[in-house]
Amino acid sequence: MNRIVLGACLALACVGVGLFWWQGRAEVENTAPPPPKVQEAPRSETLPSADVAGLRGPAPPRATELTREQQRFFRYDRNRDWRITRNEMLSTRADAFRKLDSDGNNLLTFEEWAVATSTRFRAADANQNGELSAEEFAATAPKAKAKPACTC
């Protein structure tokens, strides 16, 4: 019983504080000074003009054309520091994750995937410093398949 009475008293107190705050805010807004008047510029029927014959703006930035190998490299190098760390290599290998079922049971554990990817990374890291340079990464490019001869 005491909890009900106490809850009702607190609810009434909250409503009273809310009404007091609302009324006070309304009074402050009523007595606020009006916003300053902005002088309008005189209207003219003619459009402004300028002599732009000798003006020259900044040159647009040049876009560099990335080679196919650079595009492949930057797919892995997320922070663009020209080094691929082990974490960067592992984070982008989601498609390969589905292809690495070593025991053929259609279930691939993370350990199976991580071992295969770490082995591939270790094989590509020629100087064993834990990072792949652009040259080391280029050696991991998949070999192009020979196009079949036309059988016309």
N, C-alpha and C. Protein backbone atom coordinates (compact mmCIF):
# COMPACT_ATOMS: atom_id res chain seq x y z
N MET A 1 0.82 -1.19 0.00
CA MET A 1 0.00 0.00 0.00
C MET A 1 0.86 1.26 0.00
N ASN A 2 1.94 1.21 0.78
CA ASN A 2 2.83 2.37 0.85
C ASN A 2 3.50 2.64 -0.50
N ARG A 3 3.82 1.55 -1.22
CA ARG A 3 4.47 1.74 -2.51
C ARG A 3 3.53 2.43 -3.50
N ILE A 4 2.25 2.09 -3.46
CA ILE A 4 1.28 2.71 -4.37
C ILE A 4 1.15 4.19 -4.08
N VAL A 5 1.03 4.55 -2.83
CA VAL A 5 0.90 5.95 -2.44
C VAL A 5 2.17 6.71 -2.82
N LEU A 6 3.33 6.12 -2.53
CA LEU A 6 4.59 6.77 -2.85
C LEU A 6 4.74 6.94 -4.37
N GLY A 7 4.35 5.95 -5.16
CA GLY A 7 4.41 6.04 -6.61
C GLY A 7 3.50 7.13 -7.15
N ALA A 8 2.29 7.25 -6.58
CA ALA A 8 1.35 8.29 -7.01
C ALA A 8 1.90 9.68 -6.69
N CYS A 9 2.50 9.82 -5.51
CA CYS A 9 3.08 11.12 -5.13
C CYS A 9 4.23 11.50 -6.06
N LEU A 10 5.08 10.53 -6.39
CA LEU A 10 6.21 10.81 -7.29
C LEU A 10 5.72 11.15 -8.69
N ALA A 11 4.67 10.49 -9.15
CA ALA A 11 4.12 10.79 -10.47
C ALA A 11 3.56 12.20 -10.50
N LEU A 12 2.84 12.60 -9.47
CA LEU A 12 2.30 13.97 -9.40
C LEU A 12 3.43 14.99 -9.32
N ALA A 13 4.47 14.67 -8.60
CA ALA A 13 5.62 15.58 -8.50
C ALA A 13 6.27 15.75 -9.87
N CYS A 14 6.44 14.66 -10.60
CA CYS A 14 7.05 14.74 -11.93
C CYS A 14 6.17 15.57 -12.87
N VAL A 15 4.87 15.40 -12.82
CA VAL A 15 3.96 16.18 -13.66
C VAL A 15 4.05 17.65 -13.30
N GLY A 16 4.11 17.95 -12.00
CA GLY A 16 4.22 19.35 -11.55
C GLY A 16 5.52 19.99 -12.02
N VAL A 17 6.63 19.27 -11.91
CA VAL A 17 7.92 19.81 -12.37
C VAL A 17 7.88 20.02 -13.87
N GLY A 18 7.29 19.09 -14.62
CA GLY A 18 7.19 19.24 -16.06
C GLY A 18 6.38 20.45 -16.46
N LEU A 19 5.24 20.66 -15.80
CA LEU A 19 4.41 21.83 -16.11
C LEU A 19 5.14 23.12 -15.76
N PHE A 20 5.83 23.14 -14.62
CA PHE A 20 6.58 24.33 -14.21
C PHE A 20 7.67 24.66 -15.24
N TRP A 21 8.39 23.65 -15.70
CA TRP A 21 9.45 23.85 -16.68
C TRP A 21 8.87 24.33 -18.01
N TRP A 22 7.75 23.73 -18.42
CA TRP A 22 7.12 24.09 -19.69
C TRP A 22 6.64 25.54 -19.67
N GLN A 23 6.00 25.95 -18.57
CA GLN A 23 5.51 27.33 -18.46
C GLN A 23 6.67 28.32 -18.43
N GLY A 24 7.73 27.97 -17.71
CA GLY A 24 8.89 28.86 -17.64
C GLY A 24 9.56 29.02 -19.00
N ARG A 25 9.64 27.96 -19.75
CA ARG A 25 10.26 28.02 -21.08
C ARG A 25 9.41 28.87 -22.02
N ALA A 26 8.09 28.73 -21.93
CA ALA A 26 7.21 29.54 -22.77
C ALA A 26 7.36 31.02 -22.45
N GLU A 27 7.52 31.35 -21.17
CA GLU A 27 7.67 32.74 -20.77
C GLU A 27 8.99 33.32 -21.28
N VAL A 28 10.06 32.53 -21.25
CA VAL A 28 11.34 33.00 -21.75
C VAL A 28 11.25 33.27 -23.24
N GLU A 29 10.57 32.41 -23.98
CA GLU A 29 10.46 32.61 -25.42
C GLU A 29 9.61 33.83 -25.75
N ASN A 30 8.61 34.14 -24.94
CA ASN A 30 7.77 35.31 -25.20
C ASN A 30 8.54 36.60 -24.98
N THR A 31 9.46 36.64 -24.01
CA THR A 31 10.16 37.88 -23.71
C THR A 31 11.49 37.99 -24.44
N ALA A 32 11.80 37.05 -25.29
CA ALA A 32 13.05 37.10 -26.04
C ALA A 32 13.00 38.23 -27.04
N PRO A 33 14.14 38.87 -27.30
CA PRO A 33 14.14 39.97 -28.28
C PRO A 33 13.93 39.41 -29.68
N PRO A 34 13.34 40.21 -30.56
CA PRO A 34 13.12 39.74 -31.93
C PRO A 34 14.47 39.58 -32.65
N PRO A 35 14.50 38.73 -33.65
CA PRO A 35 15.75 38.56 -34.39
C PRO A 35 16.10 39.84 -35.13
N PRO A 36 17.38 40.09 -35.34
CA PRO A 36 17.78 41.32 -36.04
C PRO A 36 17.28 41.31 -37.48
N LYS A 37 16.90 42.51 -37.95
CA LYS A 37 16.41 42.62 -39.31
C LYS A 37 17.59 42.63 -40.27
N VAL A 38 17.45 41.89 -41.33
CA VAL A 38 18.50 41.81 -42.33
C VAL A 38 18.13 42.76 -43.46
N GLN A 39 19.08 43.62 -43.81
CA GLN A 39 18.82 44.55 -44.90
C GLN A 39 18.94 43.81 -46.21
N GLU A 40 17.96 43.99 -47.05
CA GLU A 40 18.00 43.35 -48.35
C GLU A 40 18.84 44.17 -49.31
N ALA A 41 19.55 43.47 -50.17
CA ALA A 41 20.36 44.15 -51.17
C ALA A 41 19.44 44.76 -52.22
N PRO A 42 19.82 45.89 -52.75
CA PRO A 42 18.97 46.49 -53.79
C PRO A 42 18.91 45.59 -55.01
N ARG A 43 17.72 45.44 -55.53
CA ARG A 43 17.53 44.57 -56.68
C ARG A 43 17.91 45.30 -57.96
N SER A 44 18.55 44.54 -58.81
CA SER A 44 18.96 45.09 -60.09
C SER A 44 18.42 44.20 -61.19
N GLU A 45 18.05 44.78 -62.28
CA GLU A 45 17.50 44.02 -63.40
C GLU A 45 18.59 43.41 -64.25
N THR A 46 19.82 43.90 -64.15
CA THR A 46 20.91 43.37 -64.96
C THR A 46 21.68 42.34 -64.15
N LEU A 47 22.19 41.37 -64.85
CA LEU A 47 22.99 40.34 -64.22
C LEU A 47 24.43 40.81 -64.07
N PRO A 48 25.11 40.44 -63.00
CA PRO A 48 26.51 40.84 -62.86
C PRO A 48 27.36 40.12 -63.90
N SER A 49 28.42 40.77 -64.30
CA SER A 49 29.31 40.17 -65.29
C SER A 49 30.74 40.38 -64.84
N ALA A 50 31.63 39.56 -65.36
CA ALA A 50 33.04 39.67 -65.04
C ALA A 50 33.84 39.31 -66.28
N ASP A 51 35.04 39.84 -66.35
CA ASP A 51 35.92 39.51 -67.46
C ASP A 51 36.71 38.27 -67.07
N VAL A 52 36.36 37.12 -67.65
CA VAL A 52 36.99 35.86 -67.28
C VAL A 52 37.97 35.38 -68.35
N ALA A 53 38.31 36.24 -69.28
CA ALA A 53 39.17 35.82 -70.38
C ALA A 53 40.56 35.40 -69.89
N GLY A 54 41.13 36.11 -68.92
CA GLY A 54 42.49 35.81 -68.48
C GLY A 54 42.55 34.93 -67.25
N LEU A 55 41.42 34.53 -66.70
CA LEU A 55 41.42 33.74 -65.48
C LEU A 55 41.62 32.26 -65.79
N ARG A 56 42.31 31.58 -64.89
CA ARG A 56 42.53 30.15 -65.07
C ARG A 56 42.44 29.49 -63.70
N GLY A 57 41.61 28.48 -63.59
CA GLY A 57 41.42 27.77 -62.32
C GLY A 57 42.49 26.70 -62.12
N PRO A 58 42.43 26.04 -60.98
CA PRO A 58 43.41 24.99 -60.73
C PRO A 58 43.19 23.81 -61.65
N ALA A 59 44.26 23.12 -61.93
CA ALA A 59 44.18 21.95 -62.81
C ALA A 59 43.46 20.82 -62.08
N PRO A 60 42.65 20.04 -62.77
CA PRO A 60 41.97 18.93 -62.11
C PRO A 60 42.99 17.87 -61.71
N PRO A 61 42.70 17.13 -60.65
CA PRO A 61 43.64 16.09 -60.23
C PRO A 61 43.72 14.99 -61.28
N ARG A 62 44.88 14.41 -61.38
CA ARG A 62 45.08 13.35 -62.36
C ARG A 62 44.79 12.01 -61.72
N ALA A 63 44.04 11.21 -62.42
CA ALA A 63 43.75 9.86 -61.96
C ALA A 63 44.79 8.94 -62.56
N THR A 64 45.41 8.15 -61.72
CA THR A 64 46.41 7.23 -62.22
C THR A 64 45.74 5.92 -62.56
N GLU A 65 46.18 5.32 -63.61
CA GLU A 65 45.63 4.04 -64.04
C GLU A 65 46.38 2.93 -63.32
N LEU A 66 45.65 2.15 -62.55
CA LEU A 66 46.28 1.05 -61.82
C LEU A 66 46.40 -0.17 -62.72
N THR A 67 47.51 -0.85 -62.61
CA THR A 67 47.66 -2.08 -63.37
C THR A 67 46.79 -3.15 -62.73
N ARG A 68 46.64 -4.23 -63.42
CA ARG A 68 45.81 -5.32 -62.91
C ARG A 68 46.39 -5.88 -61.61
N GLU A 69 47.71 -5.97 -61.55
CA GLU A 69 48.35 -6.50 -60.35
C GLU A 69 48.22 -5.54 -59.18
N GLN A 70 48.27 -4.22 -59.43
CA GLN A 70 48.07 -3.25 -58.37
C GLN A 70 46.65 -3.31 -57.83
N GLN A 71 45.67 -3.48 -58.72
CA GLN A 71 44.28 -3.61 -58.26
C GLN A 71 44.13 -4.84 -57.37
N ARG A 72 44.73 -5.94 -57.78
CA ARG A 72 44.67 -7.16 -56.98
C ARG A 72 45.38 -6.97 -55.65
N PHE A 73 46.51 -6.27 -55.67
CA PHE A 73 47.26 -6.02 -54.44
C PHE A 73 46.43 -5.19 -53.46
N PHE A 74 45.77 -4.13 -53.96
CA PHE A 74 45.01 -3.25 -53.07
C PHE A 74 43.72 -3.87 -52.58
N ARG A 75 43.26 -4.96 -53.21
CA ARG A 75 42.12 -5.68 -52.64
C ARG A 75 42.47 -6.25 -51.28
N TYR A 76 43.73 -6.60 -51.09
CA TYR A 76 44.19 -7.16 -49.82
C TYR A 76 44.74 -6.08 -48.90
N ASP A 77 45.46 -5.12 -49.44
CA ASP A 77 46.10 -4.08 -48.63
C ASP A 77 45.07 -3.02 -48.27
N ARG A 78 44.32 -3.24 -47.21
CA ARG A 78 43.19 -2.37 -46.85
C ARG A 78 43.63 -0.98 -46.39
N ASN A 79 44.77 -0.86 -45.70
CA ASN A 79 45.17 0.45 -45.18
C ASN A 79 46.15 1.17 -46.11
N ARG A 80 46.40 0.64 -47.30
CA ARG A 80 47.19 1.26 -48.35
C ARG A 80 48.59 1.66 -47.89
N ASP A 81 49.24 0.79 -47.12
CA ASP A 81 50.60 1.07 -46.69
C ASP A 81 51.62 0.28 -47.51
N TRP A 82 51.21 -0.30 -48.60
CA TRP A 82 52.04 -1.09 -49.50
C TRP A 82 52.62 -2.31 -48.82
N ARG A 83 51.97 -2.80 -47.79
CA ARG A 83 52.35 -4.03 -47.11
C ARG A 83 51.07 -4.79 -46.79
N ILE A 84 51.09 -6.09 -46.98
CA ILE A 84 49.94 -6.92 -46.63
C ILE A 84 50.31 -7.70 -45.38
N THR A 85 49.61 -7.43 -44.30
CA THR A 85 49.86 -8.16 -43.06
C THR A 85 49.05 -9.45 -43.09
N ARG A 86 49.36 -10.31 -42.16
CA ARG A 86 48.65 -11.59 -42.07
C ARG A 86 47.16 -11.36 -41.83
N ASN A 87 46.82 -10.39 -40.99
CA ASN A 87 45.40 -10.11 -40.71
C ASN A 87 44.68 -9.59 -41.95
N GLU A 88 45.33 -8.76 -42.75
CA GLU A 88 44.70 -8.27 -43.98
C GLU A 88 44.46 -9.42 -44.95
N MET A 89 45.41 -10.32 -45.04
CA MET A 89 45.27 -11.47 -45.94
C MET A 89 44.13 -12.38 -45.48
N LEU A 90 44.05 -12.62 -44.18
CA LEU A 90 43.01 -13.51 -43.67
C LEU A 90 41.62 -12.89 -43.78
N SER A 91 41.52 -11.58 -43.63
CA SER A 91 40.19 -10.94 -43.62
C SER A 91 39.53 -10.92 -44.98
N THR A 92 40.28 -11.02 -46.04
CA THR A 92 39.68 -10.91 -47.37
C THR A 92 39.54 -12.25 -48.07
N ARG A 93 39.72 -13.33 -47.37
CA ARG A 93 39.72 -14.64 -48.00
C ARG A 93 38.40 -15.38 -47.80
N ALA A 94 37.28 -14.69 -47.76
CA ALA A 94 35.99 -15.33 -47.50
C ALA A 94 35.59 -16.31 -48.60
N ASP A 95 35.85 -15.96 -49.86
CA ASP A 95 35.48 -16.88 -50.94
C ASP A 95 36.34 -18.14 -50.91
N ALA A 96 37.61 -17.97 -50.63
CA ALA A 96 38.50 -19.14 -50.55
C ALA A 96 38.12 -20.03 -49.37
N PHE A 97 37.52 -19.43 -48.35
CA PHE A 97 37.07 -20.20 -47.19
C PHE A 97 36.13 -21.33 -47.61
N ARG A 98 35.28 -21.03 -48.56
CA ARG A 98 34.30 -22.02 -49.02
C ARG A 98 34.92 -23.10 -49.90
N LYS A 99 36.12 -22.85 -50.42
CA LYS A 99 36.75 -23.79 -51.34
C LYS A 99 37.82 -24.66 -50.68
N LEU A 100 38.07 -24.51 -49.41
CA LEU A 100 39.20 -25.17 -48.77
C LEU A 100 38.82 -26.39 -47.93
N ASP A 101 37.78 -27.05 -48.27
CA ASP A 101 37.35 -28.23 -47.51
C ASP A 101 38.35 -29.37 -47.76
N SER A 102 39.30 -29.52 -46.85
CA SER A 102 40.38 -30.49 -47.08
C SER A 102 39.95 -31.94 -46.89
N ASP A 103 38.99 -32.21 -46.03
CA ASP A 103 38.59 -33.60 -45.81
C ASP A 103 37.35 -33.99 -46.61
N GLY A 104 36.78 -33.09 -47.39
CA GLY A 104 35.69 -33.41 -48.29
C GLY A 104 34.37 -33.72 -47.61
N ASN A 105 34.15 -33.25 -46.38
CA ASN A 105 32.89 -33.54 -45.70
C ASN A 105 31.89 -32.40 -45.80
N ASN A 106 32.13 -31.43 -46.68
CA ASN A 106 31.28 -30.26 -46.87
C ASN A 106 31.16 -29.39 -45.63
N LEU A 107 32.07 -29.57 -44.69
CA LEU A 107 32.17 -28.72 -43.51
C LEU A 107 33.60 -28.23 -43.41
N LEU A 108 33.76 -26.95 -43.27
CA LEU A 108 35.09 -26.38 -43.17
C LEU A 108 35.21 -25.65 -41.84
N THR A 109 36.10 -26.11 -41.02
CA THR A 109 36.31 -25.44 -39.74
C THR A 109 37.22 -24.25 -39.97
N PHE A 110 37.15 -23.31 -39.06
CA PHE A 110 38.02 -22.13 -39.18
C PHE A 110 39.48 -22.54 -39.10
N GLU A 111 39.78 -23.54 -38.31
CA GLU A 111 41.17 -23.98 -38.18
C GLU A 111 41.70 -24.49 -39.52
N GLU A 112 40.88 -25.26 -40.27
CA GLU A 112 41.31 -25.75 -41.58
C GLU A 112 41.61 -24.58 -42.51
N TRP A 113 40.74 -23.62 -42.51
CA TRP A 113 40.92 -22.46 -43.38
C TRP A 113 42.14 -21.64 -42.98
N ALA A 114 42.29 -21.39 -41.68
CA ALA A 114 43.41 -20.56 -41.21
C ALA A 114 44.75 -21.24 -41.47
N VAL A 115 44.81 -22.55 -41.31
CA VAL A 115 46.06 -23.27 -41.57
C VAL A 115 46.42 -23.15 -43.05
N ALA A 116 45.47 -23.35 -43.95
CA ALA A 116 45.75 -23.27 -45.38
C ALA A 116 46.17 -21.87 -45.79
N THR A 117 45.49 -20.85 -45.26
CA THR A 117 45.82 -19.47 -45.61
C THR A 117 47.16 -19.06 -45.01
N SER A 118 47.42 -19.45 -43.78
CA SER A 118 48.70 -19.13 -43.17
C SER A 118 49.84 -19.81 -43.91
N THR A 119 49.62 -21.04 -44.35
CA THR A 119 50.64 -21.76 -45.12
C THR A 119 50.92 -21.03 -46.43
N ARG A 120 49.87 -20.58 -47.11
CA ARG A 120 50.04 -19.85 -48.37
C ARG A 120 50.76 -18.52 -48.13
N PHE A 121 50.40 -17.83 -47.04
CA PHE A 121 51.05 -16.56 -46.71
C PHE A 121 52.53 -16.79 -46.41
N ARG A 122 52.83 -17.81 -45.62
CA ARG A 122 54.22 -18.12 -45.26
C ARG A 122 55.03 -18.46 -46.51
N ALA A 123 54.42 -19.18 -47.46
CA ALA A 123 55.12 -19.53 -48.70
C ALA A 123 55.37 -18.29 -49.56
N ALA A 124 54.47 -17.32 -49.54
CA ALA A 124 54.63 -16.12 -50.36
C ALA A 124 55.60 -15.13 -49.72
N ASP A 125 55.76 -15.17 -48.40
CA ASP A 125 56.64 -14.24 -47.69
C ASP A 125 58.08 -14.73 -47.82
N ALA A 126 58.78 -14.29 -48.87
CA ALA A 126 60.11 -14.81 -49.19
C ALA A 126 61.14 -14.45 -48.12
N ASN A 127 61.08 -13.22 -47.58
CA ASN A 127 62.08 -12.83 -46.60
C ASN A 127 61.65 -13.10 -45.15
N GLN A 128 60.50 -13.73 -44.97
CA GLN A 128 60.01 -14.17 -43.65
C GLN A 128 59.94 -13.02 -42.63
N ASN A 129 59.47 -11.82 -43.06
CA ASN A 129 59.34 -10.70 -42.13
C ASN A 129 57.91 -10.48 -41.66
N GLY A 130 56.99 -11.34 -42.07
CA GLY A 130 55.60 -11.23 -41.64
C GLY A 130 54.77 -10.27 -42.47
N GLU A 131 55.31 -9.75 -43.55
CA GLU A 131 54.61 -8.83 -44.44
C GLU A 131 54.93 -9.20 -45.88
N LEU A 132 53.97 -8.95 -46.78
CA LEU A 132 54.22 -9.18 -48.20
C LEU A 132 54.46 -7.84 -48.88
N SER A 133 55.56 -7.72 -49.58
CA SER A 133 55.80 -6.53 -50.39
C SER A 133 55.03 -6.73 -51.71
N ALA A 134 55.03 -5.70 -52.52
CA ALA A 134 54.32 -5.80 -53.80
C ALA A 134 54.94 -6.89 -54.68
N GLU A 135 56.26 -7.02 -54.64
CA GLU A 135 56.93 -8.05 -55.45
C GLU A 135 56.58 -9.45 -54.95
N GLU A 136 56.59 -9.63 -53.63
CA GLU A 136 56.25 -10.94 -53.07
C GLU A 136 54.80 -11.29 -53.39
N PHE A 137 53.94 -10.30 -53.32
CA PHE A 137 52.53 -10.55 -53.60
C PHE A 137 52.30 -10.89 -55.06
N ALA A 138 53.07 -10.26 -55.95
CA ALA A 138 52.92 -10.52 -57.39
C ALA A 138 53.20 -11.98 -57.71
N ALA A 139 54.05 -12.63 -56.92
CA ALA A 139 54.37 -14.03 -57.16
C ALA A 139 53.19 -14.94 -56.84
N THR A 140 52.19 -14.45 -56.10
CA THR A 140 51.04 -15.28 -55.73
C THR A 140 49.90 -15.19 -56.74
N ALA A 141 50.10 -14.43 -57.82
CA ALA A 141 49.03 -14.25 -58.82
C ALA A 141 48.65 -15.60 -59.42
N PRO A 142 47.37 -15.83 -59.62
CA PRO A 142 46.97 -17.09 -60.25
C PRO A 142 47.43 -17.12 -61.70
N LYS A 143 47.78 -18.27 -62.14
CA LYS A 143 48.26 -18.43 -63.51
C LYS A 143 47.07 -18.33 -64.47
N ALA A 144 47.26 -17.62 -65.56
CA ALA A 144 46.20 -17.45 -66.56
C ALA A 144 45.97 -18.78 -67.27
N LYS A 145 44.71 -19.14 -67.46
CA LYS A 145 44.38 -20.37 -68.16
C LYS A 145 44.51 -20.15 -69.65
N ALA A 146 45.01 -21.15 -70.34
CA ALA A 146 45.16 -21.06 -71.80
C ALA A 146 43.77 -21.09 -72.44
N LYS A 147 43.57 -20.22 -73.41
CA LYS A 147 42.27 -20.17 -74.08
C LYS A 147 42.20 -21.34 -75.06
N PRO A 148 41.06 -22.02 -75.09
CA PRO A 148 40.95 -23.16 -76.01
C PRO A 148 40.92 -22.65 -77.46
N ALA A 149 41.46 -23.48 -78.31
CA ALA A 149 41.47 -23.14 -79.74
C ALA A 149 40.04 -23.19 -80.28
N CYS A 150 39.78 -22.37 -81.24
CA CYS A 150 38.45 -22.33 -81.84
C CYS A 150 38.17 -23.63 -82.60
N THR A 151 37.01 -24.19 -82.40
CA THR A 151 36.63 -25.43 -83.09
C THR A 151 35.51 -25.13 -84.08
N CYS A 152 35.77 -24.17 -84.91
CA CYS A 152 34.75 -23.75 -85.87
C CYS A 152 34.64 -24.75 -87.00
